[in-house]
């Protein structure tokens, strides 16, 4: 299966990647709320911005969707 994935190129729609990234961000926000933390506090603790977090989530989503 890994050999097949290495030889096949899958073009994912930006909309699919964005949708998955948004889903992950929503899940993270829900988890933070359950822990008594909000997104701005989380971003501050990670020393990152919302835009950087969104970009990271989109990268991870694309990678996970292609495997």
Protein backbone atom coordinates (compact mmCIF):
# COMPACT_ATOMS: atom_id res chain seq x y z
CA UNK A 1 0.00 0.00 0.00
CA UNK A 2 2.83 2.42 0.86
CA UNK A 3 4.45 1.80 -2.54
CA UNK A 4 1.15 2.61 -4.21
CA UNK A 5 0.81 5.85 -2.25
CA UNK A 6 4.34 6.83 -3.24
CA UNK A 7 3.60 6.38 -6.95
CA UNK A 8 0.09 7.84 -7.11
CA UNK A 9 -0.45 11.57 -7.02
CA UNK A 10 -3.77 12.77 -5.64
CA UNK A 11 -4.86 16.36 -6.22
CA UNK A 12 -7.08 17.45 -3.37
CA UNK A 13 -9.42 20.37 -3.70
CA UNK A 14 -8.45 23.40 -1.61
CA UNK A 15 -12.03 23.40 -0.37
CA UNK A 16 -11.66 19.87 1.03
CA UNK A 17 -8.41 20.78 2.77
CA UNK A 18 -9.89 23.99 4.17
CA UNK A 19 -12.98 22.15 5.37
CA UNK A 20 -10.89 19.55 7.20
CA UNK A 21 -8.65 22.23 8.72
CA UNK A 22 -11.73 24.12 9.95
CA UNK A 23 -13.12 20.91 11.43
CA UNK A 24 -9.86 20.38 13.32
CA UNK A 25 -9.84 23.97 14.58
CA UNK A 26 -13.42 23.63 15.80
CA UNK A 27 -12.52 20.39 17.56
CA UNK A 28 -9.52 22.08 19.20
CA UNK A 29 -11.67 25.03 20.33
CA UNK A 30 -14.24 22.64 21.83
CA UNK A 31 -11.52 20.73 23.67
CA UNK A 32 -10.03 23.97 24.99
CA UNK A 33 -13.45 25.08 26.24
CA UNK A 34 -13.86 21.77 28.06
CA UNK A 35 -10.49 22.41 29.72
CA UNK A 36 -11.49 25.92 30.75
CA UNK A 37 -9.24 27.65 28.23
CA UNK A 38 -10.04 29.76 25.20
CA UNK A 39 -8.35 30.04 21.83
CA UNK A 40 -6.55 33.37 22.49
CA UNK A 41 -5.01 31.98 25.69
CA UNK A 42 -3.99 28.81 23.85
CA UNK A 43 -2.39 30.79 21.03
CA UNK A 44 -0.53 32.93 23.55
CA UNK A 45 0.74 29.85 25.40
CA UNK A 46 1.97 28.37 22.10
CA UNK A 47 3.42 31.73 20.99
CA UNK A 48 1.64 31.54 17.67
CA UNK A 49 -1.08 33.38 15.78
CA UNK A 50 -4.44 32.17 14.54
CA UNK A 51 -3.20 32.45 10.96
CA UNK A 52 -0.14 30.30 11.75
CA UNK A 53 -2.31 27.72 13.51
CA UNK A 54 -4.71 27.62 10.55
CA UNK A 55 -1.81 27.13 8.14
CA UNK A 56 -0.41 24.32 10.29
CA UNK A 57 -3.82 22.63 10.49
CA UNK A 58 -4.22 22.91 6.71
CA UNK A 59 -0.80 21.34 6.15
CA UNK A 60 -1.60 18.48 8.52
CA UNK A 61 -5.03 17.99 6.96
CA UNK A 62 -3.55 17.81 3.46
CA UNK A 63 -0.93 15.31 4.55
CA UNK A 64 -3.46 13.13 6.39
CA UNK A 65 -5.98 13.23 3.54
CA UNK A 66 -3.35 12.11 1.04
CA UNK A 67 -2.34 9.04 3.03
